Amino acid sequence: MAYMSQEGYDKLIADLQYLESIERPKASAAIAEARDKGDLSENSEYEAAKEAQAHLEDKINRLKITIAEAKIVDTSRLSTDAVQILSKVEMTNLTTKTKMAYTIVSENEADLRAGKISIKTPIAQGLLNKKVGDEVEIQIPRGTIRLRIDKISI
């Protein structure tokens, strides 16, 4: 089960509709075009089109599973007492004194450029259930990072 926002769920539905209504017909057309070029035993274009279609179908199936297992989080029931999924956490790196802010989201919604980190990342895991004012040490690939939680919002 994957917890996610309504926005993230809606994006998955839109992605699935795009793949099924636009990309799937394109893949079928590419196979048909390659098939029309003759001998299939030595037709690398046909093999490539079939492989691309298999990858597309796999992606569609994985999306369907994710959507089926999705649990939309009701943001009106979330609290800002402690860090949880969909919390926006403002914090200070105690070593460098730099400020940063991340929203903790499901793996499917993660987008570092938008300040959204997956709940499965070491930083998110280290912040879960912590409160404003808490200082945490988190193991990340580059070593240990010390953070102070300054604000939690939704």
Protein backbone atom coordinates (compact mmCIF):
# COMPACT_ATOMS: atom_id res chain seq x y z
CA MET A 1 0.00 0.00 0.00
CA ALA A 2 1.33 3.43 -0.93
CA TYR A 3 0.07 6.51 0.91
CA MET A 4 -0.14 9.56 -1.31
CA SER A 5 -1.82 12.89 -1.83
CA GLN A 6 -4.88 13.35 -4.02
CA GLU A 7 -2.65 15.35 -6.39
CA GLY A 8 -0.19 12.45 -6.70
CA TYR A 9 -3.03 9.98 -7.28
CA ASP A 10 -4.58 12.18 -9.97
CA LYS A 11 -1.20 12.41 -11.72
CA LEU A 12 -0.89 8.61 -11.77
CA ILE A 13 -4.38 8.31 -13.30
CA ALA A 14 -3.48 10.92 -15.96
CA ASP A 15 -0.20 9.11 -16.72
CA LEU A 16 -2.05 5.80 -17.11
CA GLN A 17 -4.66 7.33 -19.42
CA TYR A 18 -1.90 8.89 -21.55
CA LEU A 19 -0.01 5.61 -21.84
CA GLU A 20 -3.13 3.64 -22.74
CA SER A 21 -4.69 6.14 -25.15
CA ILE A 22 -1.61 7.68 -26.83
CA GLU A 23 1.50 5.53 -26.33
CA ARG A 24 -0.12 2.09 -26.72
CA PRO A 25 -1.59 2.88 -30.17
CA LYS A 26 1.79 4.37 -31.23
CA ALA A 27 3.54 1.14 -30.20
CA SER A 28 1.03 -0.98 -32.12
CA ALA A 29 1.45 1.21 -35.20
CA ALA A 30 5.25 0.90 -35.00
CA ILE A 31 4.96 -2.90 -34.88
CA ALA A 32 2.56 -2.94 -37.84
CA GLU A 33 4.85 -0.67 -39.85
CA ALA A 34 7.90 -2.82 -39.12
CA ARG A 35 5.94 -6.02 -39.93
CA ASP A 36 5.07 -4.59 -43.36
CA LYS A 37 8.77 -4.36 -44.20
CA GLY A 38 9.05 -8.07 -44.87
CA ASP A 39 10.96 -10.99 -43.35
CA LEU A 40 10.45 -10.86 -39.56
CA SER A 41 13.37 -13.20 -38.80
CA GLU A 42 15.91 -10.53 -39.80
CA ASN A 43 13.90 -7.42 -39.03
CA SER A 44 15.61 -5.58 -36.19
CA GLU A 45 13.09 -2.73 -36.42
CA TYR A 46 10.29 -5.22 -35.72
CA GLU A 47 12.19 -6.68 -32.74
CA ALA A 48 12.85 -3.19 -31.34
CA ALA A 49 9.18 -2.24 -31.72
CA LYS A 50 8.08 -5.45 -29.96
CA GLU A 51 10.55 -4.80 -27.13
CA ALA A 52 9.35 -1.20 -26.77
CA GLN A 53 5.77 -2.45 -26.60
CA ALA A 54 6.71 -4.97 -23.89
CA HIS A 55 8.34 -2.19 -21.83
CA LEU A 56 5.27 -0.02 -22.29
CA GLU A 57 2.90 -2.81 -21.19
CA ASP A 58 5.10 -3.46 -18.15
CA LYS A 59 4.96 0.23 -17.24
CA ILE A 60 1.16 0.26 -17.66
CA ASN A 61 0.80 -2.82 -15.45
CA ARG A 62 3.04 -1.37 -12.72
CA LEU A 63 1.02 1.87 -12.79
CA LYS A 64 -2.24 -0.08 -12.48
CA ILE A 65 -0.88 -1.95 -9.45
CA THR A 66 0.30 1.28 -7.82
CA ILE A 67 -3.11 2.89 -8.40
CA ALA A 68 -4.93 -0.17 -7.05
CA GLU A 69 -2.79 -0.17 -3.90
CA ALA A 70 -2.88 3.60 -3.39
CA LYS A 71 -4.31 5.01 -0.19
CA ILE A 72 -5.13 8.71 -0.47
CA VAL A 73 -4.27 10.65 2.67
CA ASP A 74 -6.95 13.01 3.93
CA THR A 75 -4.87 16.12 4.63
CA SER A 76 -7.60 17.60 6.81
CA ARG A 77 -6.92 14.84 9.36
CA LEU A 78 -3.15 15.39 9.48
CA SER A 79 -1.49 17.02 12.45
CA THR A 80 1.50 19.33 12.59
CA ASP A 81 2.53 17.99 16.02
CA ALA A 82 5.02 15.54 14.52
CA VAL A 83 6.54 14.77 11.10
CA GLN A 84 4.54 12.33 8.96
CA ILE A 85 3.78 11.73 5.29
CA LEU A 86 2.74 14.95 3.50
CA SER A 87 4.37 17.08 6.22
CA LYS A 88 6.37 20.06 5.01
CA VAL A 89 9.39 20.22 7.28
CA GLU A 90 11.53 23.32 7.60
CA MET A 91 14.86 22.59 9.23
CA THR A 92 18.37 23.84 9.81
CA ASN A 93 21.52 21.87 9.07
CA LEU A 94 23.36 22.36 12.37
CA THR A 95 26.78 21.84 10.79
CA THR A 96 26.50 24.32 7.92
CA LYS A 97 23.71 26.50 9.40
CA THR A 98 21.82 26.28 6.11
CA LYS A 99 18.04 26.24 6.06
CA MET A 100 16.12 23.71 3.99
CA ALA A 101 12.55 22.59 3.53
CA TYR A 102 11.15 19.32 2.22
CA THR A 103 7.71 17.83 1.89
CA ILE A 104 7.66 14.11 2.65
CA VAL A 105 5.71 12.23 -0.02
CA SER A 106 5.23 8.74 -1.45
CA GLU A 107 7.93 7.31 -3.72
CA ASN A 108 5.80 8.03 -6.79
CA GLU A 109 5.46 11.71 -5.94
CA ALA A 110 9.12 12.39 -5.08
CA ASP A 111 10.59 15.33 -6.98
CA LEU A 112 13.70 16.87 -5.45
CA ARG A 113 13.49 20.00 -7.64
CA ALA A 114 10.04 20.66 -6.17
CA GLY A 115 11.29 19.98 -2.65
CA LYS A 116 9.43 16.67 -2.36
CA ILE A 117 11.40 13.73 -0.95
CA SER A 118 10.33 10.11 -0.76
CA ILE A 119 9.28 8.80 2.61
CA LYS A 120 11.82 6.00 2.01
CA THR A 121 14.86 8.32 1.93
CA PRO A 122 17.19 8.33 4.95
CA ILE A 123 16.36 11.98 5.70
CA ALA A 124 12.59 11.37 5.68
CA GLN A 125 13.00 8.22 7.78
CA GLY A 126 15.11 10.15 10.29
CA LEU A 127 12.51 12.92 10.56
CA LEU A 128 9.39 10.76 10.97
CA ASN A 129 7.57 11.25 14.28
CA LYS A 130 9.95 14.03 15.37
CA LYS A 131 8.63 17.35 16.70
CA VAL A 132 9.52 21.03 16.30
CA GLY A 133 12.74 21.76 18.17
CA ASP A 134 13.99 18.16 17.95
CA GLU A 135 17.57 17.69 16.79
CA VAL A 136 18.31 14.53 14.83
CA GLU A 137 21.40 12.83 13.47
CA ILE A 138 20.74 11.01 10.23
CA GLN A 139 23.05 8.65 8.35
CA ILE A 140 23.14 9.58 4.68
CA PRO A 141 25.46 8.19 1.99
CA ARG A 142 27.96 11.03 2.54
CA GLY A 143 28.11 10.58 6.32
CA THR A 144 26.04 11.91 9.19
CA ILE A 145 23.90 15.02 8.98
CA ARG A 146 22.61 16.92 12.03
CA LEU A 147 19.29 18.68 11.61
CA ARG A 148 17.03 20.76 13.85
CA ILE A 149 13.32 20.81 13.00
CA ASP A 150 12.17 24.45 12.90
CA LYS A 151 8.60 24.12 11.59
CA ILE A 152 6.11 21.45 10.52
CA SER A 153 3.19 22.31 8.25
CA ILE A 154 0.83 20.56 5.85
